[in-house]
Protein backbone atom coordinates (compact mmCIF):
# COMPACT_ATOMS: atom_id res chain seq x y z
CA MET A 1 -0.23 6.32 -13.88
CA SER A 2 -3.36 5.04 -15.49
CA VAL A 3 -6.50 5.40 -12.99
CA GLU A 4 -9.96 3.59 -14.08
CA CYS A 5 -12.94 3.19 -11.56
CA VAL A 6 -14.89 0.06 -11.95
CA ARG A 7 -18.04 -1.26 -10.66
CA VAL A 8 -18.62 -4.77 -9.31
CA GLY A 9 -21.08 -7.15 -8.19
CA THR A 10 -24.76 -6.90 -7.80
CA GLU A 11 -24.73 -3.41 -6.05
CA LYS A 12 -22.09 -1.77 -8.41
CA THR A 13 -19.50 -0.85 -5.87
CA PRO A 14 -16.94 1.56 -7.20
CA ILE A 15 -13.71 0.38 -7.39
CA VAL A 16 -10.47 2.27 -8.32
CA VAL A 17 -7.78 0.47 -10.06
CA ILE A 18 -4.51 2.58 -10.41
CA ASP A 19 -1.68 1.00 -12.50
CA ASP A 20 1.83 2.36 -12.91
CA VAL A 21 1.82 4.14 -9.71
CA PHE A 22 5.45 2.66 -8.64
CA ASP A 23 8.71 3.09 -10.69
CA ASP A 24 10.18 -0.03 -9.22
CA PRO A 25 7.08 -1.72 -7.73
CA CYS A 26 9.57 -5.22 -7.62
CA GLY A 27 12.09 -2.87 -5.38
CA LEU A 28 9.23 -2.17 -3.04
CA VAL A 29 8.11 -5.68 -2.57
CA ASP A 30 11.84 -6.70 -1.95
CA TYR A 31 12.08 -4.05 0.33
CA ALA A 32 8.98 -5.14 2.64
CA ALA A 33 10.28 -8.57 2.63
CA SER A 34 13.58 -7.80 3.73
CA LEU A 35 11.38 -6.05 7.04
CA ALA A 36 10.20 -9.90 7.81
CA PRO A 37 9.57 -11.23 10.04
CA TYR A 38 6.15 -10.01 10.00
CA PRO A 39 4.03 -10.60 13.34
CA SER A 40 1.14 -13.44 13.04
CA PRO A 41 -2.26 -11.47 12.73
CA THR A 42 -4.67 -11.68 15.87
CA GLY A 43 -7.69 -10.41 17.06
CA ASN A 44 -8.87 -8.46 13.59
CA PHE A 45 -9.96 -9.62 10.36
CA TYR A 46 -7.22 -8.15 8.38
CA PRO A 47 -6.53 -10.27 5.32
CA GLY A 48 -3.17 -10.22 5.11
CA LEU A 49 0.38 -9.63 7.01
CA ARG A 50 1.48 -6.15 8.38
CA ARG A 51 4.21 -4.65 10.15
CA MET A 52 4.28 -1.37 12.14
CA VAL A 53 7.17 0.95 10.81
CA ALA A 54 8.21 3.58 13.26
CA PRO A 55 9.34 7.08 11.61
CA ASN A 56 13.15 6.70 12.22
CA GLU A 57 16.44 6.66 10.12
CA ALA A 58 16.01 2.84 9.99
CA ASN A 59 12.77 2.90 8.48
CA ALA A 60 12.89 6.11 6.30
CA VAL A 61 11.99 4.77 2.89
CA MET A 62 8.73 3.39 4.79
CA ALA A 63 8.05 5.92 6.73
CA SER A 64 7.94 8.05 3.76
CA TYR A 65 5.93 5.85 1.97
CA VAL A 66 2.53 6.95 3.02
CA PRO A 67 2.92 10.60 2.91
CA SER A 68 4.29 10.39 -0.71
CA MET A 69 1.38 8.18 -1.71
CA CYS A 70 -0.97 10.58 -0.10
CA ARG A 71 0.63 13.25 -2.34
CA THR A 72 0.62 11.31 -5.58
CA LEU A 73 -3.24 10.19 -5.40
CA SER A 74 -4.62 13.46 -2.97
CA ASN A 75 -6.45 14.11 -6.28
CA LEU A 76 -8.21 10.64 -6.55
CA MET A 77 -8.96 10.75 -2.36
């Protein structure tokens, strides 16, 4: 994993760029795509599609994703 902090724009807003977090990023994308259909976004300005994932056996991979990323990136947060 490589981490870089870059500053962008007139105000030099800091952005953290993290490369190589996932061993198999294509597999993660394929898994996320398999969860379709995604509901249409309404009532917010989130710039993309999202799907709620309940922490159950059928969603075990996705339910473990957030805690796993928090552990991996905890020193950066």
